[in-house]
Amino acid sequence: MIGLSRVGNVRKLLVVLYTALMLGANPAAADVSALREGDMKKLMLLGEPVAVPEAVLLDAEDGEHALADYKGKWVVLNFWATWCAPCRREMPSLERLQAAMPELAVVPVATGRNAVEGIRRFFEEAGVKALPILRDPQSQLAHAMGVMGLPVTVILNPEGQEVARLIGDAEWDSDSAKAVLGALVAGQ
């Protein structure tokens, strides 16, 4: 009978081997992976792009928007909520990222029950002025994309497919984040 610690070690080894095989099969991912430092070490690069489900997002005036509106651009899609403390820390860095890399579309989506006034107050308190207010009030997109906790940030390629995901908060305007995103954009 194999001990529990040995099973854990075997699992860790399998994860390492799987990651190595994935990166070996995708040289671009290996190049980007080497740039990950700090918070970006949590960024999971996918071996192959994954289709993202269609969903209707609402703005502050209940106008409808779709992720397809951003096709042709790299997208930093951030799932967050007004009650989420890590989201409060992270949101200003997303705005600074948008200012530093205007070729990207930074798309924050308030998922679940988030009143528009609460979102506006959150943005004001966080000093966010340039990012759009978009809502996923029934969490349909979040659930369809397997978002289980907040914040979660998903990187979409210009075809609208998921290529990377980071669970938890991060400093999105860090040198490492900008290097990783710049490498993804350059490697198109």
C-alpha atoms as a PDB file:
ATOM      1  CA  MET A   1       0.000   0.000   0.000  1.00  0.00           C
ATOM      2  CA  ILE A   2       1.353   3.397  -1.002  1.00  0.00           C
ATOM      3  CA  GLY A   3       1.498   6.021   1.768  1.00  0.00           C
ATOM      4  CA  LEU A   4      -0.452   9.266   1.425  1.00  0.00           C
ATOM      5  CA  SER A   5       2.689  11.409   1.262  1.00  0.00           C
ATOM      6  CA  ARG A   6       3.994   9.244  -1.575  1.00  0.00           C
ATOM      7  CA  VAL A   7       0.670   9.629  -3.464  1.00  0.00           C
ATOM      8  CA  GLY A   8       0.974  13.392  -3.028  1.00  0.00           C
ATOM      9  CA  ASN A   9       4.516  13.309  -4.400  1.00  0.00           C
ATOM     10  CA  VAL A  10       3.382  11.228  -7.382  1.00  0.00           C
ATOM     11  CA  ARG A  11       0.618  13.748  -8.100  1.00  0.00           C
ATOM     12  CA  LYS A  12       3.096  16.634  -7.920  1.00  0.00           C
ATOM     13  CA  LEU A  13       5.400  14.802 -10.318  1.00  0.00           C
ATOM     14  CA  LEU A  14       2.528  14.205 -12.748  1.00  0.00           C
ATOM     15  CA  VAL A  15       1.607  17.901 -12.651  1.00  0.00           C
ATOM     16  CA  VAL A  16       5.224  18.875 -13.342  1.00  0.00           C
ATOM     17  CA  LEU A  17       5.471  16.364 -16.196  1.00  0.00           C
ATOM     18  CA  TYR A  18       2.158  17.475 -17.699  1.00  0.00           C
ATOM     19  CA  THR A  19       3.235  21.122 -17.531  1.00  0.00           C
ATOM     20  CA  ALA A  20       6.596  20.309 -19.120  1.00  0.00           C
ATOM     21  CA  LEU A  21       4.903  18.372 -21.932  1.00  0.00           C
ATOM     22  CA  MET A  22       2.410  21.204 -22.489  1.00  0.00           C
ATOM     23  CA  LEU A  23       5.156  23.809 -22.656  1.00  0.00           C
ATOM     24  CA  GLY A  24       7.329  21.591 -24.810  1.00  0.00           C
ATOM     25  CA  ALA A  25       4.471  21.199 -27.278  1.00  0.00           C
ATOM     26  CA  ASN A  26       3.918  24.942 -27.310  1.00  0.00           C
ATOM     27  CA  PRO A  27       7.201  26.879 -27.640  1.00  0.00           C
ATOM     28  CA  ALA A  28       5.382  30.229 -27.436  1.00  0.00           C
ATOM     29  CA  ALA A  29       3.932  29.223 -24.064  1.00  0.00           C
ATOM     30  CA  ALA A  30       7.409  28.229 -22.909  1.00  0.00           C
ATOM     31  CA  ASP A  31       8.758  31.679 -23.872  1.00  0.00           C
ATOM     32  CA  VAL A  32       5.914  33.436 -22.039  1.00  0.00           C
ATOM     33  CA  SER A  33       6.242  31.094 -19.072  1.00  0.00           C
ATOM     34  CA  ALA A  34       9.844  32.176 -18.573  1.00  0.00           C
ATOM     35  CA  LEU A  35       8.672  35.797 -18.103  1.00  0.00           C
ATOM     36  CA  ARG A  36       6.351  34.991 -15.198  1.00  0.00           C
ATOM     37  CA  GLU A  37       7.505  36.453 -11.879  1.00  0.00           C
ATOM     38  CA  GLY A  38       5.693  37.473  -8.704  1.00  0.00           C
ATOM     39  CA  ASP A  39       1.906  37.270  -9.061  1.00  0.00           C
ATOM     40  CA  MET A  40       2.259  36.136 -12.663  1.00  0.00           C
ATOM     41  CA  LYS A  41       3.566  32.769 -11.459  1.00  0.00           C
ATOM     42  CA  LYS A  42      -0.128  32.018 -10.780  1.00  0.00           C
ATOM     43  CA  LEU A  43      -0.944  32.555 -14.478  1.00  0.00           C
ATOM     44  CA  MET A  44      -1.837  29.212 -16.064  1.00  0.00           C
ATOM     45  CA  LEU A  45      -1.019  29.121 -19.778  1.00  0.00           C
ATOM     46  CA  LEU A  46      -3.188  26.771 -21.802  1.00  0.00           C
ATOM     47  CA  GLY A  47      -1.587  24.426 -24.321  1.00  0.00           C
ATOM     48  CA  GLU A  48      -4.335  25.129 -26.857  1.00  0.00           C
ATOM     49  CA  PRO A  49      -6.826  28.025 -26.999  1.00  0.00           C
ATOM     50  CA  VAL A  50     -10.276  27.227 -25.627  1.00  0.00           C
ATOM     51  CA  ALA A  51     -13.541  28.600 -27.015  1.00  0.00           C
ATOM     52  CA  VAL A  52     -15.395  30.985 -24.727  1.00  0.00           C
ATOM     53  CA  PRO A  53     -19.192  30.752 -24.500  1.00  0.00           C
ATOM     54  CA  GLU A  54     -21.350  33.546 -25.849  1.00  0.00           C
ATOM     55  CA  ALA A  55     -22.947  35.674 -23.149  1.00  0.00           C
ATOM     56  CA  VAL A  56     -24.815  38.924 -22.796  1.00  0.00           C
ATOM     57  CA  LEU A  57     -23.205  41.431 -20.452  1.00  0.00           C
ATOM     58  CA  LEU A  58     -25.080  44.478 -19.206  1.00  0.00           C
ATOM     59  CA  ASP A  59     -23.648  47.962 -18.796  1.00  0.00           C
ATOM     60  CA  ALA A  60     -24.732  50.495 -16.150  1.00  0.00           C
ATOM     61  CA  GLU A  61     -27.784  51.474 -18.220  1.00  0.00           C
ATOM     62  CA  ASP A  62     -28.771  47.845 -18.953  1.00  0.00           C
ATOM     63  CA  GLY A  63     -27.398  48.078 -22.495  1.00  0.00           C
ATOM     64  CA  GLU A  64     -26.335  44.703 -23.874  1.00  0.00           C
ATOM     65  CA  HIS A  65     -22.760  43.862 -24.814  1.00  0.00           C
ATOM     66  CA  ALA A  66     -20.988  40.679 -25.894  1.00  0.00           C
ATOM     67  CA  LEU A  67     -17.408  39.480 -25.649  1.00  0.00           C
ATOM     68  CA  ALA A  68     -17.546  39.259 -29.442  1.00  0.00           C
ATOM     69  CA  ASP A  69     -17.446  43.085 -29.378  1.00  0.00           C
ATOM     70  CA  TYR A  70     -13.749  42.734 -28.504  1.00  0.00           C
ATOM     71  CA  LYS A  71     -12.776  40.314 -31.282  1.00  0.00           C
ATOM     72  CA  GLY A  72      -9.556  41.397 -32.935  1.00  0.00           C
ATOM     73  CA  LYS A  73      -8.029  42.559 -29.621  1.00  0.00           C
ATOM     74  CA  TRP A  74      -6.277  40.796 -26.802  1.00  0.00           C
ATOM     75  CA  VAL A  75      -8.604  40.899 -23.802  1.00  0.00           C
ATOM     76  CA  VAL A  76      -7.877  40.847 -20.079  1.00  0.00           C
ATOM     77  CA  LEU A  77     -11.272  39.626 -18.806  1.00  0.00           C
ATOM     78  CA  ASN A  78     -11.575  40.099 -15.047  1.00  0.00           C
ATOM     79  CA  PHE A  79     -14.385  38.561 -12.993  1.00  0.00           C
ATOM     80  CA  TRP A  80     -14.957  40.474  -9.759  1.00  0.00           C
ATOM     81  CA  ALA A  81     -17.621  41.635  -7.268  1.00  0.00           C
ATOM     82  CA  THR A  82     -18.182  44.694  -5.074  1.00  0.00           C
ATOM     83  CA  TRP A  83     -17.945  42.601  -1.884  1.00  0.00           C
ATOM     84  CA  CYS A  84     -14.604  41.025  -2.851  1.00  0.00           C
ATOM     85  CA  ALA A  85     -11.680  42.479  -0.829  1.00  0.00           C
ATOM     86  CA  PRO A  86      -8.950  41.115  -3.169  1.00  0.00           C
ATOM     87  CA  CYS A  87     -10.875  42.641  -6.091  1.00  0.00           C
ATOM     88  CA  ARG A  88     -10.676  46.039  -4.377  1.00  0.00           C
ATOM     89  CA  ARG A  89      -6.878  45.728  -4.185  1.00  0.00           C
ATOM     90  CA  GLU A  90      -6.572  44.479  -7.765  1.00  0.00           C
ATOM     91  CA  MET A  91      -8.874  46.826  -9.706  1.00  0.00           C
ATOM     92  CA  PRO A  92      -6.595  49.919  -9.698  1.00  0.00           C
ATOM     93  CA  SER A  93      -3.798  47.831 -11.244  1.00  0.00           C
ATOM     94  CA  LEU A  94      -6.160  46.768 -14.035  1.00  0.00           C
ATOM     95  CA  GLU A  95      -6.886  50.414 -14.796  1.00  0.00           C
ATOM     96  CA  ARG A  96      -3.165  51.221 -14.802  1.00  0.00           C
ATOM     97  CA  LEU A  97      -2.611  48.241 -17.145  1.00  0.00           C
ATOM     98  CA  GLN A  98      -5.223  49.624 -19.553  1.00  0.00           C
ATOM     99  CA  ALA A  99      -3.455  53.012 -19.530  1.00  0.00           C
ATOM    100  CA  ALA A 100      -0.022  51.408 -20.030  1.00  0.00           C
ATOM    101  CA  MET A 101      -1.141  48.986 -22.766  1.00  0.00           C
ATOM    102  CA  PRO A 102      -3.995  50.588 -24.741  1.00  0.00           C
ATOM    103  CA  GLU A 103      -3.680  47.893 -27.424  1.00  0.00           C
ATOM    104  CA  LEU A 104      -5.344  45.523 -24.918  1.00  0.00           C
ATOM    105  CA  ALA A 105      -8.974  45.623 -23.836  1.00  0.00           C
ATOM    106  CA  VAL A 106      -9.241  45.379 -20.058  1.00  0.00           C
ATOM    107  CA  VAL A 107     -12.784  44.143 -19.426  1.00  0.00           C
ATOM    108  CA  PRO A 108     -13.900  43.934 -15.799  1.00  0.00           C
ATOM    109  CA  VAL A 109     -17.159  42.004 -15.329  1.00  0.00           C
ATOM    110  CA  ALA A 110     -19.014  42.312 -12.038  1.00  0.00           C
ATOM    111  CA  THR A 111     -20.478  38.859 -11.620  1.00  0.00           C
ATOM    112  CA  GLY A 112     -23.476  38.031  -9.460  1.00  0.00           C
ATOM    113  CA  ARG A 113     -25.586  40.515  -7.531  1.00  0.00           C
ATOM    114  CA  ASN A 114     -23.813  43.850  -7.834  1.00  0.00           C
ATOM    115  CA  ALA A 115     -26.016  46.945  -7.843  1.00  0.00           C
ATOM    116  CA  VAL A 116     -24.957  49.584 -10.360  1.00  0.00           C
ATOM    117  CA  GLU A 117     -24.686  52.174  -7.564  1.00  0.00           C
ATOM    118  CA  GLY A 118     -22.463  49.780  -5.622  1.00  0.00           C
ATOM    119  CA  ILE A 119     -20.248  49.305  -8.681  1.00  0.00           C
ATOM    120  CA  ARG A 120     -20.002  53.063  -9.204  1.00  0.00           C
ATOM    121  CA  ARG A 121     -19.104  53.557  -5.520  1.00  0.00           C
ATOM    122  CA  PHE A 122     -16.522  50.736  -5.742  1.00  0.00           C
ATOM    123  CA  PHE A 123     -14.924  52.340  -8.822  1.00  0.00           C
ATOM    124  CA  GLU A 124     -14.923  55.790  -7.182  1.00  0.00           C
ATOM    125  CA  GLU A 125     -13.337  54.492  -3.958  1.00  0.00           C
ATOM    126  CA  ALA A 126     -10.737  52.531  -5.968  1.00  0.00           C
ATOM    127  CA  GLY A 127      -9.970  55.531  -8.195  1.00  0.00           C
ATOM    128  CA  VAL A 128     -11.126  53.706 -11.341  1.00  0.00           C
ATOM    129  CA  LYS A 129     -12.294  56.122 -14.025  1.00  0.00           C
ATOM    130  CA  ALA A 130     -11.484  54.606 -17.418  1.00  0.00           C
ATOM    131  CA  LEU A 131     -12.715  51.000 -17.212  1.00  0.00           C
ATOM    132  CA  PRO A 132     -16.210  50.064 -18.384  1.00  0.00           C
ATOM    133  CA  ILE A 133     -18.977  48.986 -16.047  1.00  0.00           C
ATOM    134  CA  LEU A 134     -20.099  45.575 -17.257  1.00  0.00           C
ATOM    135  CA  ARG A 135     -22.253  43.114 -15.336  1.00  0.00           C
ATOM    136  CA  ASP A 136     -23.006  39.399 -15.427  1.00  0.00           C
ATOM    137  CA  PRO A 137     -25.939  39.624 -12.968  1.00  0.00           C
ATOM    138  CA  GLN A 138     -26.961  35.967 -13.106  1.00  0.00           C
ATOM    139  CA  SER A 139     -23.313  34.794 -13.250  1.00  0.00           C
ATOM    140  CA  GLN A 140     -24.107  32.979 -16.500  1.00  0.00           C
ATOM    141  CA  LEU A 141     -20.769  33.733 -18.143  1.00  0.00           C
ATOM    142  CA  ALA A 142     -18.845  33.115 -14.925  1.00  0.00           C
ATOM    143  CA  HIS A 143     -20.503  29.721 -14.425  1.00  0.00           C
ATOM    144  CA  ALA A 144     -20.092  28.749 -18.098  1.00  0.00           C
ATOM    145  CA  MET A 145     -16.370  29.547 -17.818  1.00  0.00           C
ATOM    146  CA  GLY A 146     -15.898  27.620 -14.580  1.00  0.00           C
ATOM    147  CA  VAL A 147     -15.272  30.648 -12.370  1.00  0.00           C
ATOM    148  CA  MET A 148     -15.704  29.331  -8.820  1.00  0.00           C
ATOM    149  CA  GLY A 149     -14.234  32.176  -6.745  1.00  0.00           C
ATOM    150  CA  LEU A 150     -13.223  35.788  -7.211  1.00  0.00           C
ATOM    151  CA  PRO A 151     -11.237  37.407  -8.600  1.00  0.00           C
ATOM    152  CA  VAL A 152     -10.410  35.391 -11.703  1.00  0.00           C
ATOM    153  CA  THR A 153      -8.758  36.908 -14.766  1.00  0.00           C
ATOM    154  CA  VAL A 154      -8.876  35.218 -18.163  1.00  0.00           C
ATOM    155  CA  ILE A 155      -6.707  36.231 -21.119  1.00  0.00           C
ATOM    156  CA  LEU A 156      -8.447  36.002 -24.494  1.00  0.00           C
ATOM    157  CA  ASN A 157      -6.659  36.040 -27.837  1.00  0.00           C
ATOM    158  CA  PRO A 158      -7.930  38.206 -30.751  1.00  0.00           C
ATOM    159  CA  GLU A 159     -10.146  35.303 -31.864  1.00  0.00           C
ATOM    160  CA  GLY A 160     -11.934  35.465 -28.498  1.00  0.00           C
ATOM    161  CA  GLN A 161     -10.471  32.202 -27.169  1.00  0.00           C
ATOM    162  CA  GLU A 162      -9.075  31.661 -23.680  1.00  0.00           C
ATOM    163  CA  VAL A 163      -5.292  31.232 -23.652  1.00  0.00           C
ATOM    164  CA  ALA A 164      -4.465  31.829 -19.965  1.00  0.00           C
ATOM    165  CA  ARG A 165      -6.114  32.167 -16.558  1.00  0.00           C
ATOM    166  CA  LEU A 166      -5.076  33.555 -13.206  1.00  0.00           C
ATOM    167  CA  ILE A 167      -7.054  32.668 -10.082  1.00  0.00           C
ATOM    168  CA  GLY A 168      -6.783  35.251  -7.327  1.00  0.00           C
ATOM    169  CA  ASP A 169      -5.660  38.848  -7.374  1.00  0.00           C
ATOM    170  CA  ALA A 170      -2.539  40.168  -9.053  1.00  0.00           C
ATOM    171  CA  GLU A 171      -0.682  43.380  -9.792  1.00  0.00           C
ATOM    172  CA  TRP A 172      -1.634  43.610 -13.444  1.00  0.00           C
ATOM    173  CA  ASP A 173       0.564  46.626 -14.093  1.00  0.00           C
ATOM    174  CA  SER A 174       3.728  44.962 -12.761  1.00  0.00           C
ATOM    175  CA  ASP A 175       6.723  44.666 -15.078  1.00  0.00           C
ATOM    176  CA  SER A 176       6.201  40.892 -15.222  1.00  0.00           C
ATOM    177  CA  ALA A 177       2.509  41.198 -16.139  1.00  0.00           C
ATOM    178  CA  LYS A 178       3.267  43.713 -18.891  1.00  0.00           C
ATOM    179  CA  ALA A 179       6.107  41.515 -20.193  1.00  0.00           C
ATOM    180  CA  VAL A 180       3.886  38.424 -20.269  1.00  0.00           C
ATOM    181  CA  LEU A 181       1.014  40.249 -21.978  1.00  0.00           C
ATOM    182  CA  GLY A 182       3.413  41.958 -24.400  1.00  0.00           C
ATOM    183  CA  ALA A 183       4.910  38.573 -25.322  1.00  0.00           C
ATOM    184  CA  LEU A 184       1.442  37.100 -25.896  1.00  0.00           C
ATOM    185  CA  VAL A 185       0.485  40.021 -28.144  1.00  0.00           C
ATOM    186  CA  ALA A 186       3.777  39.829 -30.066  1.00  0.00           C
ATOM    187  CA  GLY A 187       3.482  36.066 -30.520  1.00  0.00           C
ATOM    188  CA  GLN A 188      -0.043  36.201 -31.947  1.00  0.00           C
END
